[in-house]
Each structure stands twice: as C-alpha cells, then as structure tokens.
C-alpha cells in the first residue's frame, strides 16, 4: 500500500508561478524551498559577523603583548565567535540544505508540517538576533561557547550576557528540534512510490539519522540552559560550586549534548559528500549499505563518548577507560565512510569542478581532524593537550575542514538548481585555493603551538621562542581565508546578476531534484519517474538499461 494513501499530503498555501514576490511574501512563506534559502542567507549573514570576530582575535594574537583588543572585549568576541559559528552558521547551513532538498530528493512537494517548518526558521533567527542584542543590553557573554558553570554564574559574568546566551540557545534548540521532527515525518511518510529506505539518496539517509540525533541531544542542552537561567535569575544553585552537582553537573549536561552535536554538524555534511563525489566521478557510490549502516553506528556511539571532554576533571580510571574505548571505537564507522568515498573516486573518472575540489579538500582535512580527535581519546595525551591550541586546531579541522568544506561543495553543486544560474568556476577555484591554503596555514601550525604549551582562550602570550612567529603565520592564513570568502561573495553577486543559464540538470546528475525546473516551481513535481533503483534519473536517461512498464508515475498514485 502507498503510504501517501494513509496520510494525505498537506494542503499547501504556496504562491503560483506568476505571483509577484517581495519581502512580505518571503516573511509569510511556508514553501520549503524559500525557507531553505532563508536558512542559507541567515548563515551567510552570521558567517560575516562571526568571521569578523575571528579576524579581530587573530589580529590581537599576531604578536606577543598586543593591545588591539582589551581582555574584556577579547573574551566577548571569543564567546560570540564560537557560539555564532556553531549554532547560527553551521547548523542553519545544514538545516537549510536539508529543508530545501530533502523533500525534493524523495519526490515530495513539501515538508510534512509546512507551518512548523516556517516557525522553526523564525525561532532560530530570533535566537541569533537576541544573542547579539546582548551587546546593547549591558555586555555580551564572555564565558566560552560552552559557558562552563559556575563561571557563567559568577561576578565575572554578572552582566546580562550569559542570560541572553541561555535564552538565545534555547530558542535555537527549539527551532532545531522542530526542524528535525519535520525531517523524520517527511522522510517516513512522503517518499515517492517505490522508494524504500534502501533506495533513498544518502543525503536523505544521513539527514534522517541526524534528525534523531537532534531530537535526543538538544533536550538535555535545553534543560541545562533552563537550569542556568534559574540559577542566574532566581538563585536556584543547580551549578553552584558548593552543591553536590556543581560545575561537574553542567559539564555532564553540556557534553551529553556537545559530543552528539559534533556529529549533528557532520552527518549531513557526509550526505553532501556522498551525493557530490559520485556525480563528479561518474561512478555509483561504493558501498551504499556500509555508508548507511555506519551512519547508524555513529549515531548510537555518539552518546557514549561525551566524557572524553572531561578526562582532566578526575573522574577516575574506570570512567576514563570506558570512554577511551568508546571514543576509539567511533573512529571505525567514520573510517568506513572515508574508505567508501575513496573507493568511489578510485573507480571513477573525476571531473575537477569547484564542488569536487571541496570534496577532496574535505577528505584530506577532515581525516586530519579525525586523527587528532583519536589522539584526544588517549587519556595521557588528552591530559597533556587539553585546553591548549591543539584543541583549537582539532576543532577547526572538524568543523571547517569537515562541515564547512562539505557545505560549500553542496552549495556549488546545488546552486544551479536553487537559482537557475551557474556559479563561476573561475571564481570558485579562486575561492577554493585562497580559503583552503589559508585554512591550513592558520590551523595546521596551531597543532605545534599546542604541543609547545600555548593555552587557548588567552588574549595575549609571553614572547617565548617561536610563539610570535607561528601566531603571525596563523594570522596571515586568516587573511587568506577572508580573501577566499570575499571571492565566494563576489561569485554569488555576479552569478545572481546573470540570466538563467543552468538548465534543469547541468551536472548530468542522478537524483529526483534534477528533474524539476531550475529554479523549481512552487509545486515542484506533478509527475515523477518510477523508482526502480537509487539513481532514478539515470534510469530515465538510459531506458535501454532499465525495465520500465510505464514511463512515469503520477504523484500520490499507486505503484
């Protein structure tokens, strides 16, 4: 029986193709495609803000004893940069791509709950604005992106900044949970006839599993943020240093969310890589079942490793040994994915588009970040390197070298579908080389700074041998990254000024979204091809190699 016969498609209040669009129409839209674009625009805006904060910090750290920023301002920028990039850049980027393309890739015209989809975006956006309103309300938070208690309750954090931090992340968490619920229901109930879970694109698979991670990981964070607000505003003392739980309770609550958050930020990126690499290597993905199965393994194991962030707190050898083993184990399914991607490249004929170049850079830099993460699973190494610049390097190799590079691969790949226009490959490659060279120049050398003993979260440092030279190199690399981002912004600008030149399928791709017009109409599909494999569009282009009884299937009909 067709699952769409069990639950009817929702009624969509979508504009017709001839409707004049404007600001008010975008504000009131429930079209998943427009909401996905608004998520991406939100991420673009906050990336500029978070990037400027990072540049200010790198200028301050370029030489020992600099006074470009005061300690107070540096602590504010440090906290706002980390919080912004994780919750208001990387998360909205991935959720935006999922919101736009997950329904299209399964042959659906909308999300299961269109109005919840819109609400999730606006709640998240308001949370981001509220975080930055703290600058006008007595001072921004200055306690790090993980806001360790009781520091976040102390006189040091007496300004309203930490309260704004808690409320803004509560709102972002509510938005993320709403989006995740929507993705789960849409994937379960609105797949095209014939599209079993073993035929969905890997981007859908990983977004689906990722949604369960969000549904389980964000409630502990939201509960902890609510307790932090009660401590700050009503004197509840959940995390006061004199109570039974105290600081350790906050760390357990936060990292119960915080380590799954690493995979929340990387699983959709894995899905993007799994879609882009096969198309530009002209080869089916190698080991589909292992890629899908290893995603489930990562999701389960991600909840068993949070204490490796707390090895230095003295929990004892029993705890440390268990979480050492689980942290080492989670590297296995991740390594399987890398093996599958390399196997796909090995079998294929690679086309070095900008999207493909970012995939290759992802493979190199994410593996470096993963290996340094395995190093942190070894307790003595963790004791030596915790709270050093080695941690900063590891974090950025995972989040930038992993999530951001994959996101840019997805944007270059799907931009023609979203806009009907091709991004310039010339400017794309300028963007790629400037950013990738700058990224590795900035963060590779920070591994050495960490090994040499430079602590993180310091606004200046003594003039020790090589400290100044290495930090200057790192700052120069940050300017290269800024130039790369400017090249990307210029590419967007000149491309949006062109006439539509993409066509429906400029990449000769394989999944259902490429059947639609570019950009898609408000109602994306009227008919879809029969789903007989994981590459329905390839089947449609090669009927001599497919066994069709009917050339197309009407949406909502029986197989």
Protein backbone atom coordinates (compact mmCIF):
# COMPACT_ATOMS: atom_id res chain seq x y z
CA UNK A 1 0.00 0.00 0.00
CA UNK A 2 1.23 3.52 -0.79
CA UNK A 3 1.98 5.34 2.45
CA UNK A 4 0.53 8.51 0.94
CA UNK A 5 -2.83 6.78 0.91
CA UNK A 6 -2.55 6.50 4.70
CA UNK A 7 -1.69 10.15 5.34
CA UNK A 8 -2.83 12.68 2.73
CA UNK A 9 -0.43 15.33 1.53
CA UNK A 10 -0.92 18.63 3.41
CA UNK A 11 -2.70 21.50 1.75
CA UNK A 12 -0.07 24.00 0.67
CA UNK A 13 -0.67 27.74 0.64
CA UNK A 14 2.02 28.27 -1.97
CA UNK A 15 2.31 31.15 -4.41
CA UNK A 16 1.61 30.44 -8.06
CA UNK A 17 4.49 30.87 -10.53
CA UNK A 18 3.08 34.25 -11.62
CA UNK A 19 2.78 35.73 -8.12
CA UNK A 20 4.90 38.83 -7.58
CA UNK A 21 7.42 38.10 -4.87
CA UNK A 22 8.52 40.55 -2.24
CA UNK A 23 9.69 40.84 1.35
CA UNK A 24 6.24 40.21 2.82
CA UNK A 25 5.75 37.14 0.65
CA UNK A 26 9.05 35.69 1.92
CA UNK A 27 8.17 36.52 5.53
CA UNK A 28 4.87 34.68 5.25
CA UNK A 29 6.03 31.75 3.12
CA UNK A 30 5.64 28.11 4.04
CA UNK A 31 7.35 26.88 0.87
CA UNK A 32 10.22 24.63 1.97
CA UNK A 33 12.41 25.93 -0.86
CA UNK A 34 12.11 29.56 0.21
CA UNK A 35 12.61 28.63 3.86
CA UNK A 36 15.73 26.67 2.92
CA UNK A 37 17.11 29.71 1.11
CA UNK A 38 16.35 31.91 4.14
CA UNK A 39 18.29 29.49 6.36
CA UNK A 40 21.27 29.81 3.98
CA UNK A 41 21.00 33.62 3.92
CA UNK A 42 20.88 33.64 7.71
CA UNK A 43 24.02 31.52 7.84
CA UNK A 44 25.73 33.85 5.33
CA UNK A 45 24.92 36.90 7.48
CA UNK A 46 26.17 35.34 10.70
CA UNK A 47 29.25 33.95 8.94
CA UNK A 48 30.27 37.52 8.13
CA UNK A 49 29.75 38.58 11.75
CA UNK A 50 31.48 35.53 13.25
CA UNK A 51 34.31 35.82 10.72
CA UNK A 52 34.93 39.46 11.64
CA UNK A 53 35.13 38.46 15.30
CA UNK A 54 37.67 35.77 14.41
CA UNK A 55 39.75 38.28 12.43
CA UNK A 56 39.80 40.69 15.36
CA UNK A 57 41.08 37.91 17.62
CA UNK A 58 43.73 36.83 15.13
CA UNK A 59 45.00 40.41 14.82
CA UNK A 60 45.23 40.58 18.61
CA UNK A 61 47.23 37.33 18.67
CA UNK A 62 49.52 38.16 15.74
CA UNK A 63 52.36 39.19 18.07
CA UNK A 64 53.07 38.82 21.81
CA UNK A 65 51.84 41.61 24.06
CA UNK A 66 49.43 43.19 21.56
CA UNK A 67 46.77 45.62 22.82
CA UNK A 68 44.50 45.69 19.78
CA UNK A 69 41.66 44.27 21.92
CA UNK A 70 41.16 44.55 25.65
CA UNK A 71 40.88 41.33 27.67
CA UNK A 72 37.18 42.06 28.22
CA UNK A 73 36.47 42.54 24.51
CA UNK A 74 38.58 39.54 23.55
CA UNK A 75 36.57 37.30 25.90
CA UNK A 76 33.33 38.60 24.42
CA UNK A 77 34.49 38.03 20.85
CA UNK A 78 35.81 34.58 21.75
CA UNK A 79 32.44 33.51 23.16
CA UNK A 80 30.36 35.12 20.43
CA UNK A 81 32.52 33.71 17.62
CA UNK A 82 32.26 30.10 18.81
CA UNK A 83 28.55 30.31 19.63
CA UNK A 84 27.74 32.04 16.35
CA UNK A 85 29.65 29.67 14.12
CA UNK A 86 28.23 26.51 15.67
CA UNK A 87 24.61 27.46 16.33
CA UNK A 88 23.94 30.21 13.79
CA UNK A 89 26.23 29.39 10.85
CA UNK A 90 26.92 25.67 10.54
CA UNK A 91 23.59 24.45 11.91
CA UNK A 92 21.46 26.78 9.71
CA UNK A 93 23.57 25.94 6.66
CA UNK A 94 22.96 22.22 7.04
CA UNK A 95 19.32 22.60 8.06
CA UNK A 96 18.84 24.94 5.10
CA UNK A 97 20.20 22.38 2.66
CA UNK A 98 18.09 19.66 4.27
CA UNK A 99 14.97 21.84 4.24
CA UNK A 100 15.39 22.66 0.56
CA UNK A 101 16.49 19.33 -0.87
CA UNK A 102 15.25 16.52 1.38
CA UNK A 103 11.63 16.74 0.12
CA UNK A 104 12.76 17.11 -3.49
CA UNK A 105 15.08 14.11 -3.28
CA UNK A 106 12.27 11.84 -2.10
CA UNK A 107 9.75 13.18 -4.62
CA UNK A 108 7.66 15.24 -2.17
CA UNK A 109 6.26 18.70 -2.87
CA UNK A 110 6.51 19.96 0.70
CA UNK A 111 7.56 19.12 4.23
CA UNK A 112 5.10 17.17 6.34
CA UNK A 113 4.42 20.23 8.53
CA UNK A 114 4.96 23.37 6.43
CA UNK A 115 3.98 25.84 9.15
CA UNK A 116 6.20 24.16 11.72
CA UNK A 117 8.97 24.45 9.14
CA UNK A 118 8.49 28.22 8.96
CA UNK A 119 8.21 28.52 12.74
CA UNK A 120 11.48 26.60 13.21
CA UNK A 121 13.32 29.07 10.99
CA UNK A 122 11.93 32.23 12.58
CA UNK A 123 12.54 30.99 16.13
CA UNK A 124 16.16 30.18 15.23
CA UNK A 125 16.69 33.55 13.53
CA UNK A 126 15.21 35.41 16.51
CA UNK A 127 17.55 33.46 18.81
CA UNK A 128 20.55 34.65 16.80
CA UNK A 129 19.40 38.27 16.88
CA UNK A 130 18.75 38.02 20.61
CA UNK A 131 22.28 36.78 21.21
CA UNK A 132 23.72 39.88 19.54
CA UNK A 133 21.26 42.16 21.26
CA UNK A 134 23.29 41.40 24.41
CA UNK A 135 25.92 43.89 23.16
CA UNK A 136 23.29 46.60 23.65
CA UNK A 137 21.97 45.22 26.93
CA UNK A 138 25.00 45.55 29.18
CA UNK A 139 27.56 43.29 27.54
CA UNK A 140 27.86 40.10 25.53
CA UNK A 141 28.57 36.73 27.19
CA UNK A 142 32.26 36.12 27.85
CA UNK A 143 32.43 32.57 29.15
CA UNK A 144 33.25 30.50 26.04
CA UNK A 145 30.82 28.77 23.71
CA UNK A 146 30.27 26.01 26.30
CA UNK A 147 29.60 28.54 29.09
CA UNK A 148 31.08 26.49 31.92
CA UNK A 149 29.35 26.92 35.27
CA UNK A 150 29.91 28.28 37.88
CA UNK A 151 31.91 30.76 35.75
CA UNK A 152 28.73 31.64 33.85
CA UNK A 153 27.05 32.42 37.19
CA UNK A 154 29.89 34.32 38.84
CA UNK A 155 30.55 38.03 39.23
CA UNK A 156 32.72 37.77 36.14
CA UNK A 157 29.53 37.06 34.21
CA UNK A 158 27.38 39.48 36.19
CA UNK A 159 26.23 41.23 33.02
CA UNK A 160 23.11 40.01 31.26
CA UNK A 161 25.24 38.41 28.53
CA UNK A 162 25.08 34.87 29.88
CA UNK A 163 21.31 35.12 30.28
CA UNK A 164 20.98 36.21 26.66
CA UNK A 165 23.25 33.30 25.73
CA UNK A 166 20.94 30.85 27.51
CA UNK A 167 17.72 32.23 26.05
CA UNK A 168 19.09 32.52 22.51
CA UNK A 169 20.35 28.93 22.51
CA UNK A 170 17.05 27.76 23.98
CA UNK A 171 15.29 29.32 21.01
CA UNK A 172 17.78 27.87 18.56
CA UNK A 173 17.32 24.46 20.19
CA UNK A 174 13.54 24.68 19.88
CA UNK A 175 13.91 25.57 16.21
CA UNK A 176 16.31 22.69 15.60
CA UNK A 177 14.02 20.17 17.31
CA UNK A 178 11.05 21.37 15.25
CA UNK A 179 13.05 21.02 12.03
CA UNK A 180 14.28 17.56 13.00
CA UNK A 181 10.76 16.33 13.75
CA UNK A 182 9.69 17.59 10.34
CA UNK A 183 12.53 15.78 8.57
CA UNK A 184 11.71 12.48 10.29
CA UNK A 185 7.99 12.57 9.45
CA UNK A 186 8.61 13.76 5.89
CA UNK A 187 11.12 11.01 5.22
CA UNK A 188 8.93 8.27 6.70
CA UNK A 189 5.61 9.23 5.10
CA UNK A 190 6.25 11.21 1.93
CA UNK A 191 8.74 9.18 -0.08
CA UNK A 192 7.81 8.59 -3.71
CA UNK A 193 6.11 5.28 -4.56
CA UNK A 194 8.74 2.58 -4.84
CA UNK A 195 11.39 4.48 -2.88
CA UNK A 196 12.23 2.22 0.04
CA UNK A 197 14.68 3.32 2.71
CA UNK A 198 17.37 1.37 0.86
CA UNK A 199 16.75 3.44 -2.26
CA UNK A 200 16.74 6.93 -0.78
CA UNK A 201 19.74 9.15 -1.60
CA UNK A 202 22.48 9.06 1.03
CA UNK A 203 21.92 12.74 1.80
CA UNK A 204 18.38 11.81 2.86
CA UNK A 205 19.63 8.81 4.82
CA UNK A 206 22.13 10.85 6.80
CA UNK A 207 19.71 13.74 7.32
CA UNK A 208 17.15 11.24 8.63
CA UNK A 209 19.55 9.71 11.15
CA UNK A 210 20.84 13.17 12.02
CA UNK A 211 17.32 14.26 12.90
CA UNK A 212 17.10 11.57 15.58
CA UNK A 213 20.39 12.84 16.99
CA UNK A 214 18.91 16.34 17.24
CA UNK A 215 15.74 15.03 18.89
CA UNK A 216 17.76 13.22 21.57
CA UNK A 217 20.69 15.62 22.06
CA UNK A 218 19.02 19.03 22.24
CA UNK A 219 16.59 18.36 25.13
CA UNK A 220 19.45 17.88 27.67
CA UNK A 221 21.01 21.16 26.48
CA UNK A 222 17.67 22.95 26.72
CA UNK A 223 17.16 21.57 30.23
CA UNK A 224 20.65 22.69 31.25
CA UNK A 225 20.07 26.17 29.81
CA UNK A 226 16.78 26.42 31.72
CA UNK A 227 18.58 25.47 34.95
CA UNK A 228 21.32 28.00 34.20
CA UNK A 229 18.69 30.71 33.80
CA UNK A 230 17.08 29.66 37.09
CA UNK A 231 20.48 29.89 38.78
CA UNK A 232 21.19 33.33 37.35
CA UNK A 233 17.77 34.90 37.77
CA UNK A 234 16.22 33.12 40.75
CA UNK A 235 19.22 31.80 42.70
CA UNK A 236 18.39 28.13 42.21
CA UNK A 237 22.05 26.96 42.62
CA UNK A 238 21.90 23.94 40.32
CA UNK A 239 25.50 24.57 39.28
CA UNK A 240 26.93 26.44 42.24
CA UNK A 241 30.35 25.15 43.29
CA UNK A 242 29.11 24.31 46.80
CA UNK A 243 26.29 21.99 45.69
CA UNK A 244 26.50 18.25 45.05
CA UNK A 245 26.30 18.64 41.30
CA UNK A 246 28.03 21.96 40.81
CA UNK A 247 30.34 22.50 37.88
CA UNK A 248 30.55 18.79 37.09
CA UNK A 249 26.78 18.61 36.60
CA UNK A 250 26.91 21.36 33.97
CA UNK A 251 29.77 19.64 32.17
CA UNK A 252 27.90 16.33 32.04
CA UNK A 253 24.73 18.01 30.78
CA UNK A 254 26.54 20.13 28.22
CA UNK A 255 28.76 17.41 26.78
CA UNK A 256 25.87 14.93 26.69
CA UNK A 257 24.66 17.36 24.06
CA UNK A 258 28.07 18.61 22.93
CA UNK A 259 29.57 15.45 21.53
CA UNK A 260 26.47 14.35 19.58
CA UNK A 261 26.48 17.95 18.31
CA UNK A 262 29.78 17.21 16.58
CA UNK A 263 28.00 14.51 14.58
CA UNK A 264 24.88 16.63 14.14
CA UNK A 265 27.19 19.05 12.34
CA UNK A 266 28.97 16.39 10.28
CA UNK A 267 26.40 13.74 9.28
CA UNK A 268 24.54 15.96 6.79
CA UNK A 269 27.96 17.04 5.50
CA UNK A 270 28.74 13.34 4.95
CA UNK A 271 25.49 13.17 2.99
CA UNK A 272 26.52 16.09 0.76
CA UNK A 273 29.88 14.45 0.05
CA UNK A 274 28.09 11.18 -0.73
CA UNK A 275 25.98 12.94 -3.38
CA UNK A 276 28.65 15.13 -4.98
CA UNK A 277 31.52 12.62 -5.29
CA UNK A 278 29.57 10.02 -7.34
CA UNK A 279 28.26 12.62 -9.80
CA UNK A 280 31.66 14.17 -10.49
CA UNK A 281 33.49 10.85 -10.54
CA UNK A 282 30.78 9.37 -12.85
CA UNK A 283 30.62 6.28 -10.68
CA UNK A 284 27.92 4.93 -8.33
CA UNK A 285 28.75 5.28 -4.66
CA UNK A 286 30.94 2.45 -3.45
CA UNK A 287 29.36 0.52 -0.57
CA UNK A 288 25.97 2.24 -0.15
CA UNK A 289 24.86 -0.20 2.56
CA UNK A 290 28.06 0.30 4.56
CA UNK A 291 27.73 4.08 4.33
CA UNK A 292 24.14 3.91 5.57
CA UNK A 293 24.89 1.35 8.29
CA UNK A 294 27.95 3.20 9.56
CA UNK A 295 25.77 6.30 9.94
CA UNK A 296 23.52 4.42 12.36
CA UNK A 297 26.59 3.17 14.24
CA UNK A 298 27.96 6.72 14.56
CA UNK A 299 24.61 7.97 15.84
CA UNK A 300 24.46 5.31 18.56
CA UNK A 301 28.09 5.62 19.61
CA UNK A 302 27.97 9.43 19.72
CA UNK A 303 26.04 9.22 23.01
CA UNK A 304 28.71 7.04 24.64
CA UNK A 305 31.76 9.28 24.27
CA UNK A 306 30.98 12.61 25.96
CA UNK A 307 33.30 12.06 28.94
CA UNK A 308 36.41 12.24 26.77
CA UNK A 309 35.83 16.01 27.00
CA UNK A 310 36.19 15.62 30.76
CA UNK A 311 39.25 13.40 31.23
CA UNK A 312 41.04 16.20 33.08
CA UNK A 313 38.28 16.51 35.70
CA UNK A 314 39.41 13.43 37.64
CA UNK A 315 36.52 11.01 37.20
CA UNK A 316 38.75 8.00 37.81
CA UNK A 317 40.30 5.19 35.80
CA UNK A 318 37.09 3.20 35.36
CA UNK A 319 35.23 6.04 33.68
CA UNK A 320 38.28 7.08 31.71
CA UNK A 321 38.93 3.56 30.41
CA UNK A 322 35.34 3.05 29.24
CA UNK A 323 35.17 6.35 27.42
CA UNK A 324 38.66 5.91 25.98
CA UNK A 325 37.48 2.67 24.37
CA UNK A 326 34.19 4.11 23.10
CA UNK A 327 35.96 7.18 21.70
CA UNK A 328 38.41 4.97 19.82
CA UNK A 329 35.56 2.77 18.58
CA UNK A 330 33.61 5.64 17.00
CA UNK A 331 36.51 6.17 14.62
CA UNK A 332 35.73 2.83 12.94
CA UNK A 333 32.41 3.73 11.22
CA UNK A 334 33.86 7.11 10.29
CA UNK A 335 36.84 5.39 8.70
CA UNK A 336 34.46 3.14 6.76
CA UNK A 337 32.90 6.22 5.18
CA UNK A 338 36.27 7.60 4.14
CA UNK A 339 37.13 4.21 2.61
CA UNK A 340 33.83 4.25 0.64
CA UNK A 341 34.44 7.76 -0.72
CA UNK A 342 38.00 6.95 -1.73
CA UNK A 343 36.75 3.74 -3.35
CA UNK A 344 34.22 5.75 -5.38
CA UNK A 345 36.98 8.11 -6.55
CA UNK A 346 39.27 5.20 -7.36
CA UNK A 347 36.67 3.62 -9.65
CA UNK A 348 35.59 6.85 -11.33
CA UNK A 349 36.53 9.45 -13.93
CA UNK A 350 36.99 12.56 -11.84
CA UNK A 351 35.77 15.96 -13.04
CA UNK A 352 37.57 18.65 -11.05
CA UNK A 353 34.75 21.14 -10.61
CA UNK A 354 34.81 23.50 -7.64
CA UNK A 355 32.34 21.26 -5.82
CA UNK A 356 34.60 18.26 -6.37
CA UNK A 357 37.68 20.17 -5.22
CA UNK A 358 35.95 21.00 -1.93
CA UNK A 359 35.07 17.30 -1.56
CA UNK A 360 38.73 16.35 -1.99
CA UNK A 361 39.81 19.05 0.48
CA UNK A 362 37.17 17.69 2.86
CA UNK A 363 38.62 14.19 2.65
CA UNK A 364 42.14 15.43 3.45
CA UNK A 365 41.35 17.94 6.18
CA UNK A 366 38.58 16.00 7.88
CA UNK A 367 40.86 12.97 8.16
CA UNK A 368 43.47 15.19 9.83
CA UNK A 369 40.82 16.43 12.26
CA UNK A 370 39.62 12.89 12.89
CA UNK A 371 43.10 11.60 13.63
CA UNK A 372 43.76 14.39 16.12
CA UNK A 373 40.41 13.51 17.71
CA UNK A 374 41.54 9.91 18.12
CA UNK A 375 44.64 11.27 19.84
CA UNK A 376 42.38 13.00 22.39
CA UNK A 377 40.77 9.65 23.16
CA UNK A 378 44.08 8.54 24.73
CA UNK A 379 43.90 9.78 28.31
CA UNK A 380 47.57 10.79 28.87
CA UNK A 381 47.64 12.70 25.57
CA UNK A 382 44.36 14.39 26.50
CA UNK A 383 45.78 15.41 29.90
CA UNK A 384 48.78 16.98 28.19
CA UNK A 385 46.93 18.78 25.40
CA UNK A 386 43.58 19.71 26.92
CA UNK A 387 42.84 23.46 26.83
CA UNK A 388 45.78 24.03 24.51
CA UNK A 389 45.86 25.31 20.95
CA UNK A 390 45.96 21.69 19.79
CA UNK A 391 42.25 21.58 20.73
CA UNK A 392 41.61 24.74 18.70
CA UNK A 393 43.29 23.17 15.66
CA UNK A 394 41.39 19.88 16.04
CA UNK A 395 38.03 21.65 16.41
CA UNK A 396 38.52 23.76 13.29
CA UNK A 397 39.73 20.84 11.18
CA UNK A 398 36.49 19.04 12.00
CA UNK A 399 34.08 21.98 11.73
CA UNK A 400 35.69 23.99 8.92
CA UNK A 401 37.71 21.33 7.10
CA UNK A 402 34.75 18.99 7.52
CA UNK A 403 31.37 20.70 7.78
CA UNK A 404 32.15 23.98 6.01
CA UNK A 405 34.05 22.45 3.09
CA UNK A 406 31.25 19.93 2.53
CA UNK A 407 28.66 22.70 2.76
CA UNK A 408 30.47 24.70 0.10
CA UNK A 409 30.65 21.59 -2.08
CA UNK A 410 26.87 21.31 -1.70
CA UNK A 411 26.29 24.98 -2.46
CA UNK A 412 28.37 24.87 -5.66
CA UNK A 413 26.60 21.64 -6.63
CA UNK A 414 23.01 22.75 -5.90
CA UNK A 415 23.24 26.49 -6.58
CA UNK A 416 22.11 26.00 -10.23
CA UNK A 417 19.03 24.16 -9.01
CA UNK A 418 18.15 26.83 -6.44
CA UNK A 419 18.67 29.85 -8.69
CA UNK A 420 18.77 28.67 -12.31
CA UNK A 421 22.24 30.17 -12.62
CA UNK A 422 25.71 28.64 -12.69
CA UNK A 423 28.35 29.89 -10.29
CA UNK A 424 31.58 30.90 -12.00
CA UNK A 425 34.08 28.07 -11.96
CA UNK A 426 36.92 30.60 -12.30
CA UNK A 427 35.91 32.50 -9.17
CA UNK A 428 35.00 29.24 -7.49
CA UNK A 429 38.54 27.94 -7.88
CA UNK A 430 39.95 31.27 -6.63
CA UNK A 431 37.69 30.91 -3.61
CA UNK A 432 38.80 27.31 -3.12
CA UNK A 433 42.55 27.86 -3.27
CA UNK A 434 42.58 31.04 -1.17
CA UNK A 435 40.42 29.52 1.55
CA UNK A 436 41.99 26.07 1.65
CA UNK A 437 45.56 27.42 1.66
CA UNK A 438 44.63 29.99 4.30
CA UNK A 439 42.79 27.42 6.38
CA UNK A 440 45.73 25.04 6.55
CA UNK A 441 48.15 27.91 7.14
CA UNK A 442 46.01 29.13 10.05
CA UNK A 443 45.23 25.90 11.85
CA UNK A 444 47.90 23.35 10.94
CA UNK A 445 50.50 25.38 12.78
CA UNK A 446 48.27 25.62 15.83
CA UNK A 447 48.89 21.90 16.42
CA UNK A 448 52.53 22.86 17.00
CA UNK A 449 51.56 25.75 19.27
CA UNK A 450 49.51 23.35 21.36
CA UNK A 451 52.33 20.84 21.58
CA UNK A 452 54.63 23.69 22.66
CA UNK A 453 52.26 24.54 25.50
CA UNK A 454 50.29 27.59 24.34
CA UNK A 455 46.94 27.60 26.17
CA UNK A 456 43.75 28.56 24.37
CA UNK A 457 41.39 31.34 25.50
CA UNK A 458 44.23 33.77 26.27
CA UNK A 459 44.15 37.27 24.80
CA UNK A 460 47.93 37.57 24.72
CA UNK A 461 51.02 35.48 25.49
CA UNK A 462 54.69 35.86 26.51
CA UNK A 463 57.42 36.24 23.91
CA UNK A 464 58.55 32.61 24.04
CA UNK A 465 60.59 31.04 21.22
CA UNK A 466 58.53 30.56 18.03
CA UNK A 467 55.25 31.66 19.65
CA UNK A 468 55.20 35.01 17.88
CA UNK A 469 56.32 33.58 14.52
CA UNK A 470 53.77 30.78 14.50
CA UNK A 471 50.94 33.08 15.58
CA UNK A 472 51.86 35.58 12.88
CA UNK A 473 51.73 32.80 10.24
CA UNK A 474 48.34 31.76 11.63
CA UNK A 475 47.04 35.34 11.38
CA UNK A 476 48.29 35.70 7.79
CA UNK A 477 46.43 32.50 6.94
CA UNK A 478 43.25 34.00 8.41
CA UNK A 479 43.55 36.91 5.96
CA UNK A 480 43.83 34.41 3.10
CA UNK A 481 40.58 32.82 4.31
CA UNK A 482 38.94 36.24 4.42
CA UNK A 483 40.00 36.87 0.82
CA UNK A 484 38.63 33.47 -0.16
CA UNK A 485 35.27 34.28 1.40
CA UNK A 486 35.22 37.61 -0.42
CA UNK A 487 35.81 35.74 -3.69
CA UNK A 488 32.85 33.50 -2.82
CA UNK A 489 30.63 36.51 -2.07
CA UNK A 490 31.68 38.14 -5.36
CA UNK A 491 30.91 34.90 -7.19
CA UNK A 492 27.40 34.92 -5.72
CA UNK A 493 26.91 38.56 -6.70
CA UNK A 494 27.98 38.25 -10.33
CA UNK A 495 26.16 34.95 -10.78
CA UNK A 496 22.85 36.33 -9.48
CA UNK A 497 23.07 39.18 -11.99
CA UNK A 498 23.18 36.76 -14.94
CA UNK A 499 20.25 35.42 -16.90
CA UNK A 500 19.14 31.88 -16.12
CA UNK A 501 21.72 29.63 -17.74
CA UNK A 502 21.73 26.40 -15.75
CA UNK A 503 19.02 24.23 -17.26
CA UNK A 504 17.29 21.51 -15.26
CA UNK A 505 20.28 19.17 -14.99
CA UNK A 506 23.63 20.87 -15.69
CA UNK A 507 25.69 18.14 -13.99
CA UNK A 508 24.05 15.11 -15.63
CA UNK A 509 23.06 14.02 -12.13
CA UNK A 510 21.00 11.09 -10.85
CA UNK A 511 18.56 12.10 -8.11
CA UNK A 512 14.99 13.40 -8.33
CA UNK A 513 15.64 17.08 -7.59
CA UNK A 514 17.31 17.44 -11.00
CA UNK A 515 14.06 16.59 -12.79
CA UNK A 516 12.48 19.85 -11.61
CA UNK A 517 12.96 23.17 -13.33
CA UNK A 518 15.79 25.42 -12.20
CA UNK A 519 14.72 27.18 -10.05
CA UNK A 520 11.82 24.88 -9.14
CA UNK A 521 8.19 25.97 -9.35
CA UNK A 522 6.27 26.44 -6.06
CA UNK A 523 4.79 22.98 -6.62
CA UNK A 524 7.93 21.11 -7.52
CA UNK A 525 6.56 17.94 -9.12
CA UNK A 526 3.46 16.94 -10.99
CA UNK A 527 4.85 13.59 -12.13
CA UNK A 528 7.94 11.60 -11.27
CA UNK A 529 9.66 8.63 -12.91
CA UNK A 530 9.20 5.17 -11.42
CA UNK A 531 11.67 4.41 -8.68
CA UNK A 532 13.48 1.20 -9.57
CA UNK A 533 16.93 1.98 -8.18
CA UNK A 534 18.94 4.50 -6.17
CA UNK A 535 19.51 6.51 -9.38
CA UNK A 536 16.02 7.17 -10.82
CA UNK A 537 17.12 9.99 -13.10
CA UNK A 538 19.93 7.87 -14.54
CA UNK A 539 17.38 5.14 -15.21
CA UNK A 540 15.18 7.64 -17.01
CA UNK A 541 18.08 8.76 -19.20
CA UNK A 542 19.05 5.16 -20.04
CA UNK A 543 15.77 3.32 -20.68
CA UNK A 544 17.60 0.66 -22.66
CA UNK A 545 19.22 -0.44 -19.41
CA UNK A 546 16.06 -0.25 -17.30
CA UNK A 547 12.93 -2.40 -17.20
CA UNK A 548 10.04 0.06 -17.38
CA UNK A 549 6.40 -0.76 -17.83
CA UNK A 550 5.31 2.85 -17.53
CA UNK A 551 7.34 5.97 -18.41
CA UNK A 552 6.16 7.89 -15.37
CA UNK A 553 4.11 7.61 -12.19
CA UNK A 554 1.64 10.26 -11.10
CA UNK A 555 2.38 11.70 -7.66
CA UNK A 556 0.17 10.22 -4.99
CA UNK A 557 -0.83 7.22 -7.12
CA UNK A 558 -0.21 3.57 -6.51
CA UNK A 559 2.93 1.90 -7.82
